[in-house]
Amino acid sequence: MSSRTRYLEAFTQHVQRVPEGGTVISEWQDRGIAHGFVGVKEDGCMGPKLAKQVHGTQIVQYEPNQPWGPPEADGVWTNAEHGIIGIQTADCLPILIFHEKFVMALHAGWRGLLDGMLVQASRLIRQDLGRVEDCLVAFGPSISLQAFEVGPELVDAFTNRFTFIEPLEISQCIQPGKGDRYHLDLKKLAVLQSLHLGFRAEHTWLHEACTKFSPNLWHSYRRDGLAAGRNISWIAKS
């Protein structure tokens, strides 16, 4: 296997898929991992602790015995038994992380991903919480390649800043659009970045839904504008 295609092949061969309307990951459910993806139907939400999201990379700890503002952050983690945490999205990428010692929920739009949300999460885990190689990771419902149109400046930003990812890999996440526009596969780019950071493809799940093109299932800001609701992705330490 070529080093230039190692992670692309891992993405294709080992990352597991979650069906478009999936509200849970069956393998996680079988293991007793309490979690869920809640969209238009709003069924099964367990009332998680949510942060005040600002499209940044701050990750805060939820402790049941401490006041909860909520704080400004785009990631929450907890090691408290029965602690339930989550994040809200409406096209951006929700990321749930399970480890025997903790759980984590991240909000990663293009801005957060570009600014290093996954880098921040992996650094926090390695320094304080455990091994990223032992984590299970789920990338939830978000906007798809076909629906996510961006300008050339964003393509250049990802290419220039993601220097630890092969240019070939980045090129596989971008398709030409009309005029000077491009289509960006935010999901694939995030998964490839996570693999470079040490998360294992065999421990990774990718939700296949496109929020914009699934009005009966998921909320979407690009589809509904200011009238859009919010999807909630949650996970509990149990």
C-alpha atoms as a PDB file:
ATOM      1  CA  MET A   1       0.000   0.000   0.000  1.00  0.00           C
ATOM      2  CA  SER A   2       1.473   3.371  -1.019  1.00  0.00           C
ATOM      3  CA  SER A   3       1.951   5.888   1.784  1.00  0.00           C
ATOM      4  CA  ARG A   4       0.246   8.451  -0.442  1.00  0.00           C
ATOM      5  CA  THR A   5      -2.943   6.401  -0.639  1.00  0.00           C
ATOM      6  CA  ARG A   6      -2.851   4.650   2.745  1.00  0.00           C
ATOM      7  CA  TYR A   7      -5.570   6.745   4.362  1.00  0.00           C
ATOM      8  CA  LEU A   8      -7.732   6.926   1.253  1.00  0.00           C
ATOM      9  CA  GLU A   9      -7.756   3.144   1.118  1.00  0.00           C
ATOM     10  CA  ALA A  10      -8.526   2.952   4.848  1.00  0.00           C
ATOM     11  CA  PHE A  11     -11.414   5.381   4.311  1.00  0.00           C
ATOM     12  CA  THR A  12     -12.850   3.202   1.543  1.00  0.00           C
ATOM     13  CA  GLN A  13     -12.219  -0.219   3.029  1.00  0.00           C
ATOM     14  CA  HIS A  14     -12.568   0.141   6.799  1.00  0.00           C
ATOM     15  CA  VAL A  15     -14.674   3.174   7.747  1.00  0.00           C
ATOM     16  CA  GLN A  16     -18.202   1.901   8.431  1.00  0.00           C
ATOM     17  CA  ARG A  17     -21.305   3.647   7.086  1.00  0.00           C
ATOM     18  CA  VAL A  18     -24.481   4.690   8.895  1.00  0.00           C
ATOM     19  CA  PRO A  19     -27.653   4.736   6.699  1.00  0.00           C
ATOM     20  CA  GLU A  20     -29.194   8.066   5.692  1.00  0.00           C
ATOM     21  CA  GLY A  21     -32.019   7.906   8.229  1.00  0.00           C
ATOM     22  CA  GLY A  22     -30.021   6.261  10.989  1.00  0.00           C
ATOM     23  CA  THR A  23     -30.590   7.734  14.439  1.00  0.00           C
ATOM     24  CA  VAL A  24     -28.163   5.372  16.189  1.00  0.00           C
ATOM     25  CA  ILE A  25     -25.153   3.245  15.312  1.00  0.00           C
ATOM     26  CA  SER A  26     -26.226  -0.348  15.761  1.00  0.00           C
ATOM     27  CA  GLU A  27     -22.773  -1.562  16.802  1.00  0.00           C
ATOM     28  CA  TRP A  28     -22.613   1.121  19.500  1.00  0.00           C
ATOM     29  CA  GLN A  29     -26.113   0.272  20.649  1.00  0.00           C
ATOM     30  CA  ASP A  30     -25.141  -3.391  20.907  1.00  0.00           C
ATOM     31  CA  ARG A  31     -22.248  -2.389  23.150  1.00  0.00           C
ATOM     32  CA  GLY A  32     -24.523  -0.366  25.420  1.00  0.00           C
ATOM     33  CA  ILE A  33     -23.176   3.029  24.322  1.00  0.00           C
ATOM     34  CA  ALA A  34     -26.032   5.499  24.821  1.00  0.00           C
ATOM     35  CA  HIS A  35     -26.070   8.005  21.951  1.00  0.00           C
ATOM     36  CA  GLY A  36     -28.245   9.340  19.173  1.00  0.00           C
ATOM     37  CA  PHE A  37     -28.701  11.633  16.177  1.00  0.00           C
ATOM     38  CA  VAL A  38     -31.912  13.626  16.495  1.00  0.00           C
ATOM     39  CA  GLY A  39     -33.331  15.497  13.511  1.00  0.00           C
ATOM     40  CA  VAL A  40     -36.736  16.647  12.320  1.00  0.00           C
ATOM     41  CA  LYS A  41     -38.688  13.998  14.230  1.00  0.00           C
ATOM     42  CA  GLU A  42     -37.063  14.993  17.547  1.00  0.00           C
ATOM     43  CA  ASP A  43     -37.450  11.495  18.991  1.00  0.00           C
ATOM     44  CA  GLY A  44     -35.017  10.013  21.479  1.00  0.00           C
ATOM     45  CA  CYS A  45     -33.217  13.137  22.675  1.00  0.00           C
ATOM     46  CA  MET A  46     -32.057  12.645  26.260  1.00  0.00           C
ATOM     47  CA  GLY A  47     -31.690  16.322  27.217  1.00  0.00           C
ATOM     48  CA  PRO A  48     -27.916  16.637  26.851  1.00  0.00           C
ATOM     49  CA  LYS A  49     -25.779  19.465  28.177  1.00  0.00           C
ATOM     50  CA  LEU A  50     -25.066  21.781  25.242  1.00  0.00           C
ATOM     51  CA  ALA A  51     -22.457  24.522  24.904  1.00  0.00           C
ATOM     52  CA  LYS A  52     -22.980  27.940  23.324  1.00  0.00           C
ATOM     53  CA  GLN A  53     -21.398  27.206  19.953  1.00  0.00           C
ATOM     54  CA  VAL A  54     -19.297  29.915  18.286  1.00  0.00           C
ATOM     55  CA  HIS A  55     -17.605  28.052  15.381  1.00  0.00           C
ATOM     56  CA  GLY A  56     -14.355  27.788  17.312  1.00  0.00           C
ATOM     57  CA  THR A  57     -12.166  24.988  18.657  1.00  0.00           C
ATOM     58  CA  GLN A  58     -12.651  25.307  22.418  1.00  0.00           C
ATOM     59  CA  ILE A  59     -13.537  22.037  24.191  1.00  0.00           C
ATOM     60  CA  VAL A  60     -14.882  22.188  27.743  1.00  0.00           C
ATOM     61  CA  GLN A  61     -15.511  19.588  30.420  1.00  0.00           C
ATOM     62  CA  TYR A  62     -18.990  18.970  31.790  1.00  0.00           C
ATOM     63  CA  GLU A  63     -18.996  18.197  35.504  1.00  0.00           C
ATOM     64  CA  PRO A  64     -22.432  17.634  37.099  1.00  0.00           C
ATOM     65  CA  ASN A  65     -21.426  19.330  40.354  1.00  0.00           C
ATOM     66  CA  GLN A  66     -20.301  22.531  38.615  1.00  0.00           C
ATOM     67  CA  PRO A  67     -22.479  25.401  37.238  1.00  0.00           C
ATOM     68  CA  TRP A  68     -23.227  25.168  33.523  1.00  0.00           C
ATOM     69  CA  GLY A  69     -23.644  28.583  31.836  1.00  0.00           C
ATOM     70  CA  PRO A  70     -23.588  27.222  29.144  1.00  0.00           C
ATOM     71  CA  PRO A  71     -19.992  28.131  28.224  1.00  0.00           C
ATOM     72  CA  GLU A  72     -18.899  29.304  24.798  1.00  0.00           C
ATOM     73  CA  ALA A  73     -17.367  26.241  23.164  1.00  0.00           C
ATOM     74  CA  ASP A  74     -17.755  23.877  20.226  1.00  0.00           C
ATOM     75  CA  GLY A  75     -16.859  20.720  22.042  1.00  0.00           C
ATOM     76  CA  VAL A  76     -17.887  19.100  25.315  1.00  0.00           C
ATOM     77  CA  TRP A  77     -16.434  16.097  27.105  1.00  0.00           C
ATOM     78  CA  THR A  78     -17.248  14.327  30.338  1.00  0.00           C
ATOM     79  CA  ASN A  79     -16.065  11.386  32.400  1.00  0.00           C
ATOM     80  CA  ALA A  80     -18.993  11.685  34.811  1.00  0.00           C
ATOM     81  CA  GLU A  81     -21.121   8.567  35.107  1.00  0.00           C
ATOM     82  CA  HIS A  82     -24.477   9.108  33.379  1.00  0.00           C
ATOM     83  CA  GLY A  83     -23.310  12.498  32.086  1.00  0.00           C
ATOM     84  CA  ILE A  84     -25.139  13.324  28.847  1.00  0.00           C
ATOM     85  CA  ILE A  85     -23.557  15.806  26.440  1.00  0.00           C
ATOM     86  CA  GLY A  86     -24.281  16.926  22.886  1.00  0.00           C
ATOM     87  CA  ILE A  87     -23.941  19.498  20.158  1.00  0.00           C
ATOM     88  CA  GLN A  88     -26.302  21.177  17.690  1.00  0.00           C
ATOM     89  CA  THR A  89     -25.846  21.347  13.927  1.00  0.00           C
ATOM     90  CA  ALA A  90     -27.768  22.369  10.835  1.00  0.00           C
ATOM     91  CA  ASP A  91     -25.309  21.323   8.085  1.00  0.00           C
ATOM     92  CA  CYS A  92     -22.036  21.364  10.025  1.00  0.00           C
ATOM     93  CA  LEU A  93     -20.449  18.098  11.070  1.00  0.00           C
ATOM     94  CA  PRO A  94     -21.267  16.563  14.458  1.00  0.00           C
ATOM     95  CA  ILE A  95     -18.602  14.242  15.849  1.00  0.00           C
ATOM     96  CA  LEU A  96     -19.188  11.826  18.727  1.00  0.00           C
ATOM     97  CA  ILE A  97     -16.256  10.133  20.463  1.00  0.00           C
ATOM     98  CA  PHE A  98     -16.506   7.205  22.863  1.00  0.00           C
ATOM     99  CA  HIS A  99     -13.746   5.933  25.130  1.00  0.00           C
ATOM    100  CA  GLU A 100     -14.077   3.637  28.127  1.00  0.00           C
ATOM    101  CA  LYS A 101     -12.992   6.554  30.345  1.00  0.00           C
ATOM    102  CA  PHE A 102     -14.859   9.478  28.727  1.00  0.00           C
ATOM    103  CA  VAL A 103     -17.184  10.670  25.966  1.00  0.00           C
ATOM    104  CA  MET A 104     -16.900  13.753  23.760  1.00  0.00           C
ATOM    105  CA  ALA A 105     -19.134  15.681  21.342  1.00  0.00           C
ATOM    106  CA  LEU A 106     -17.691  18.112  18.776  1.00  0.00           C
ATOM    107  CA  HIS A 107     -19.173  20.660  16.362  1.00  0.00           C
ATOM    108  CA  ALA A 108     -17.041  21.081  13.226  1.00  0.00           C
ATOM    109  CA  GLY A 109     -18.117  23.256  10.343  1.00  0.00           C
ATOM    110  CA  TRP A 110     -15.617  24.232   7.688  1.00  0.00           C
ATOM    111  CA  ARG A 111     -14.273  26.977   9.962  1.00  0.00           C
ATOM    112  CA  GLY A 112     -13.795  24.727  12.974  1.00  0.00           C
ATOM    113  CA  LEU A 113     -12.261  21.978  10.883  1.00  0.00           C
ATOM    114  CA  LEU A 114      -9.906  24.430   9.197  1.00  0.00           C
ATOM    115  CA  ASP A 115      -8.902  25.953  12.546  1.00  0.00           C
ATOM    116  CA  GLY A 116      -8.076  22.578  14.027  1.00  0.00           C
ATOM    117  CA  MET A 117     -11.016  21.239  16.047  1.00  0.00           C
ATOM    118  CA  LEU A 118      -9.909  17.642  15.502  1.00  0.00           C
ATOM    119  CA  VAL A 119      -6.288  18.555  16.214  1.00  0.00           C
ATOM    120  CA  GLN A 120      -7.398  20.154  19.475  1.00  0.00           C
ATOM    121  CA  ALA A 121      -9.498  17.105  20.390  1.00  0.00           C
ATOM    122  CA  SER A 122      -6.695  14.626  19.695  1.00  0.00           C
ATOM    123  CA  ARG A 123      -4.227  16.745  21.681  1.00  0.00           C
ATOM    124  CA  LEU A 124      -6.595  16.915  24.655  1.00  0.00           C
ATOM    125  CA  ILE A 125      -7.161  13.166  24.560  1.00  0.00           C
ATOM    126  CA  ARG A 126      -3.464  12.300  24.331  1.00  0.00           C
ATOM    127  CA  GLN A 127      -2.406  14.730  27.055  1.00  0.00           C
ATOM    128  CA  ASP A 128      -5.152  14.181  29.618  1.00  0.00           C
ATOM    129  CA  LEU A 129      -7.610  11.418  28.785  1.00  0.00           C
ATOM    130  CA  GLY A 130      -6.274   8.345  27.011  1.00  0.00           C
ATOM    131  CA  ARG A 131      -5.212   6.952  23.635  1.00  0.00           C
ATOM    132  CA  VAL A 132      -6.915   8.177  20.471  1.00  0.00           C
ATOM    133  CA  GLU A 133      -6.308   4.723  19.016  1.00  0.00           C
ATOM    134  CA  ASP A 134      -8.751   3.308  21.580  1.00  0.00           C
ATOM    135  CA  CYS A 135     -11.559   5.729  20.729  1.00  0.00           C
ATOM    136  CA  LEU A 136     -14.674   4.990  18.708  1.00  0.00           C
ATOM    137  CA  VAL A 137     -15.604   7.936  16.476  1.00  0.00           C
ATOM    138  CA  ALA A 138     -18.836   8.773  14.692  1.00  0.00           C
ATOM    139  CA  PHE A 139     -19.186  11.528  12.093  1.00  0.00           C
ATOM    140  CA  GLY A 140     -22.897  12.354  12.064  1.00  0.00           C
ATOM    141  CA  PRO A 141     -25.377  13.774   9.532  1.00  0.00           C
ATOM    142  CA  SER A 142     -24.078  16.849   7.718  1.00  0.00           C
ATOM    143  CA  ILE A 143     -23.997  18.539   4.344  1.00  0.00           C
ATOM    144  CA  SER A 144     -22.709  16.445   1.433  1.00  0.00           C
ATOM    145  CA  LEU A 145     -20.171  17.051  -1.315  1.00  0.00           C
ATOM    146  CA  GLN A 146     -22.949  17.637  -3.849  1.00  0.00           C
ATOM    147  CA  ALA A 147     -24.642  20.288  -1.691  1.00  0.00           C
ATOM    148  CA  PHE A 148     -21.639  22.111  -0.230  1.00  0.00           C
ATOM    149  CA  GLU A 149     -20.478  24.766  -2.695  1.00  0.00           C
ATOM    150  CA  VAL A 150     -17.478  26.911  -1.744  1.00  0.00           C
ATOM    151  CA  GLY A 151     -15.173  29.468  -3.317  1.00  0.00           C
ATOM    152  CA  PRO A 152     -11.554  28.965  -4.420  1.00  0.00           C
ATOM    153  CA  GLU A 153     -10.251  30.805  -1.363  1.00  0.00           C
ATOM    154  CA  LEU A 154     -11.585  28.055   0.920  1.00  0.00           C
ATOM    155  CA  VAL A 155     -10.069  25.321  -1.231  1.00  0.00           C
ATOM    156  CA  ASP A 156      -6.723  27.148  -1.054  1.00  0.00           C
ATOM    157  CA  ALA A 157      -7.039  27.553   2.713  1.00  0.00           C
ATOM    158  CA  PHE A 158      -7.530  23.825   3.294  1.00  0.00           C
ATOM    159  CA  THR A 159      -4.717  22.935   0.878  1.00  0.00           C
ATOM    160  CA  ASN A 160      -2.264  25.370   2.497  1.00  0.00           C
ATOM    161  CA  ARG A 161      -3.134  24.682   6.122  1.00  0.00           C
ATOM    162  CA  PHE A 162      -3.560  20.901   6.027  1.00  0.00           C
ATOM    163  CA  THR A 163       0.089  20.310   5.210  1.00  0.00           C
ATOM    164  CA  PHE A 164       0.173  16.964   7.047  1.00  0.00           C
ATOM    165  CA  ILE A 165      -2.432  15.567   4.623  1.00  0.00           C
ATOM    166  CA  GLU A 166      -1.316  14.458   1.183  1.00  0.00           C
ATOM    167  CA  PRO A 167      -2.371  16.804  -1.655  1.00  0.00           C
ATOM    168  CA  LEU A 168      -3.779  13.716  -3.381  1.00  0.00           C
ATOM    169  CA  GLU A 169      -6.080  13.143  -0.405  1.00  0.00           C
ATOM    170  CA  ILE A 170      -7.324  16.734  -0.401  1.00  0.00           C
ATOM    171  CA  SER A 171      -7.943  16.548  -4.151  1.00  0.00           C
ATOM    172  CA  GLN A 172     -10.228  13.554  -3.510  1.00  0.00           C
ATOM    173  CA  CYS A 173     -12.407  15.799  -1.312  1.00  0.00           C
ATOM    174  CA  ILE A 174     -12.909  18.535  -3.931  1.00  0.00           C
ATOM    175  CA  GLN A 175     -14.845  18.623  -7.191  1.00  0.00           C
ATOM    176  CA  PRO A 176     -15.084  21.513  -9.682  1.00  0.00           C
ATOM    177  CA  GLY A 177     -18.424  23.302  -9.772  1.00  0.00           C
ATOM    178  CA  LYS A 178     -19.829  26.075 -11.934  1.00  0.00           C
ATOM    179  CA  GLY A 179     -17.529  28.942 -12.797  1.00  0.00           C
ATOM    180  CA  ASP A 180     -14.981  29.455 -10.044  1.00  0.00           C
ATOM    181  CA  ARG A 181     -16.970  27.417  -7.503  1.00  0.00           C
ATOM    182  CA  TYR A 182     -16.051  24.055  -6.021  1.00  0.00           C
ATOM    183  CA  HIS A 183     -17.815  21.321  -4.076  1.00  0.00           C
ATOM    184  CA  LEU A 184     -16.154  20.286  -0.825  1.00  0.00           C
ATOM    185  CA  ASP A 185     -16.603  16.911   0.892  1.00  0.00           C
ATOM    186  CA  LEU A 186     -16.412  18.094   4.491  1.00  0.00           C
ATOM    187  CA  LYS A 187     -17.147  14.616   5.855  1.00  0.00           C
ATOM    188  CA  LYS A 188     -14.383  12.865   3.946  1.00  0.00           C
ATOM    189  CA  LEU A 189     -11.897  15.617   4.714  1.00  0.00           C
ATOM    190  CA  ALA A 190     -12.675  15.365   8.433  1.00  0.00           C
ATOM    191  CA  VAL A 191     -12.349  11.570   8.469  1.00  0.00           C
ATOM    192  CA  LEU A 192      -9.026  11.686   6.617  1.00  0.00           C
ATOM    193  CA  GLN A 193      -7.748  14.292   9.050  1.00  0.00           C
ATOM    194  CA  SER A 194      -8.792  12.114  11.988  1.00  0.00           C
ATOM    195  CA  LEU A 195      -6.930   9.123  10.539  1.00  0.00           C
ATOM    196  CA  HIS A 196      -3.760  11.188  10.238  1.00  0.00           C
ATOM    197  CA  LEU A 197      -4.194  12.177  13.898  1.00  0.00           C
ATOM    198  CA  GLY A 198      -4.230   8.558  15.013  1.00  0.00           C
ATOM    199  CA  PHE A 199      -7.916   7.620  15.173  1.00  0.00           C
ATOM    200  CA  ARG A 200      -8.405   4.197  13.605  1.00  0.00           C
ATOM    201  CA  ALA A 201     -10.484   3.606  10.483  1.00  0.00           C
ATOM    202  CA  GLU A 202     -11.761   0.347  11.982  1.00  0.00           C
ATOM    203  CA  HIS A 203     -13.178   2.369  14.888  1.00  0.00           C
ATOM    204  CA  THR A 204     -14.819   5.013  12.693  1.00  0.00           C
ATOM    205  CA  TRP A 205     -18.416   5.392  11.483  1.00  0.00           C
ATOM    206  CA  LEU A 206     -19.614   7.884   8.847  1.00  0.00           C
ATOM    207  CA  HIS A 207     -23.253   8.925   8.511  1.00  0.00           C
ATOM    208  CA  GLU A 208     -24.323   8.939   4.867  1.00  0.00           C
ATOM    209  CA  ALA A 209     -27.125  11.508   5.180  1.00  0.00           C
ATOM    210  CA  CYS A 210     -26.980  14.889   3.491  1.00  0.00           C
ATOM    211  CA  THR A 211     -28.790  17.367   5.711  1.00  0.00           C
ATOM    212  CA  LYS A 212     -29.638  19.720   2.841  1.00  0.00           C
ATOM    213  CA  PHE A 213     -31.193  17.034   0.639  1.00  0.00           C
ATOM    214  CA  SER A 214     -33.133  15.241   3.407  1.00  0.00           C
ATOM    215  CA  PRO A 215     -35.914  17.653   4.467  1.00  0.00           C
ATOM    216  CA  ASN A 216     -37.997  14.905   6.059  1.00  0.00           C
ATOM    217  CA  LEU A 217     -35.104  13.745   8.229  1.00  0.00           C
ATOM    218  CA  TRP A 218     -32.656  16.525   9.039  1.00  0.00           C
ATOM    219  CA  HIS A 219     -32.573  20.262   9.595  1.00  0.00           C
ATOM    220  CA  SER A 220     -30.463  22.336   7.175  1.00  0.00           C
ATOM    221  CA  TYR A 221     -29.444  25.992   7.268  1.00  0.00           C
ATOM    222  CA  ARG A 222     -28.409  25.989   3.610  1.00  0.00           C
ATOM    223  CA  ARG A 223     -31.863  24.721   2.683  1.00  0.00           C
ATOM    224  CA  ASP A 224     -34.091  26.652   5.109  1.00  0.00           C
ATOM    225  CA  GLY A 225     -32.024  29.673   6.135  1.00  0.00           C
ATOM    226  CA  LEU A 226     -32.975  31.388   9.385  1.00  0.00           C
ATOM    227  CA  ALA A 227     -36.061  29.164   9.678  1.00  0.00           C
ATOM    228  CA  ALA A 228     -33.882  26.070  10.046  1.00  0.00           C
ATOM    229  CA  GLY A 229     -34.129  24.012  13.203  1.00  0.00           C
ATOM    230  CA  ARG A 230     -31.173  22.217  14.748  1.00  0.00           C
ATOM    231  CA  ASN A 231     -30.128  18.585  14.757  1.00  0.00           C
ATOM    232  CA  ILE A 232     -28.811  17.270  18.066  1.00  0.00           C
ATOM    233  CA  SER A 233     -26.114  14.641  18.339  1.00  0.00           C
ATOM    234  CA  TRP A 234     -25.680  13.326  21.886  1.00  0.00           C
ATOM    235  CA  ILE A 235     -23.731  10.743  23.826  1.00  0.00           C
ATOM    236  CA  ALA A 236     -23.730   9.606  27.448  1.00  0.00           C
ATOM    237  CA  LYS A 237     -21.058   8.188  29.749  1.00  0.00           C
ATOM    238  CA  SER A 238     -22.466   5.031  31.252  1.00  0.00           C
END
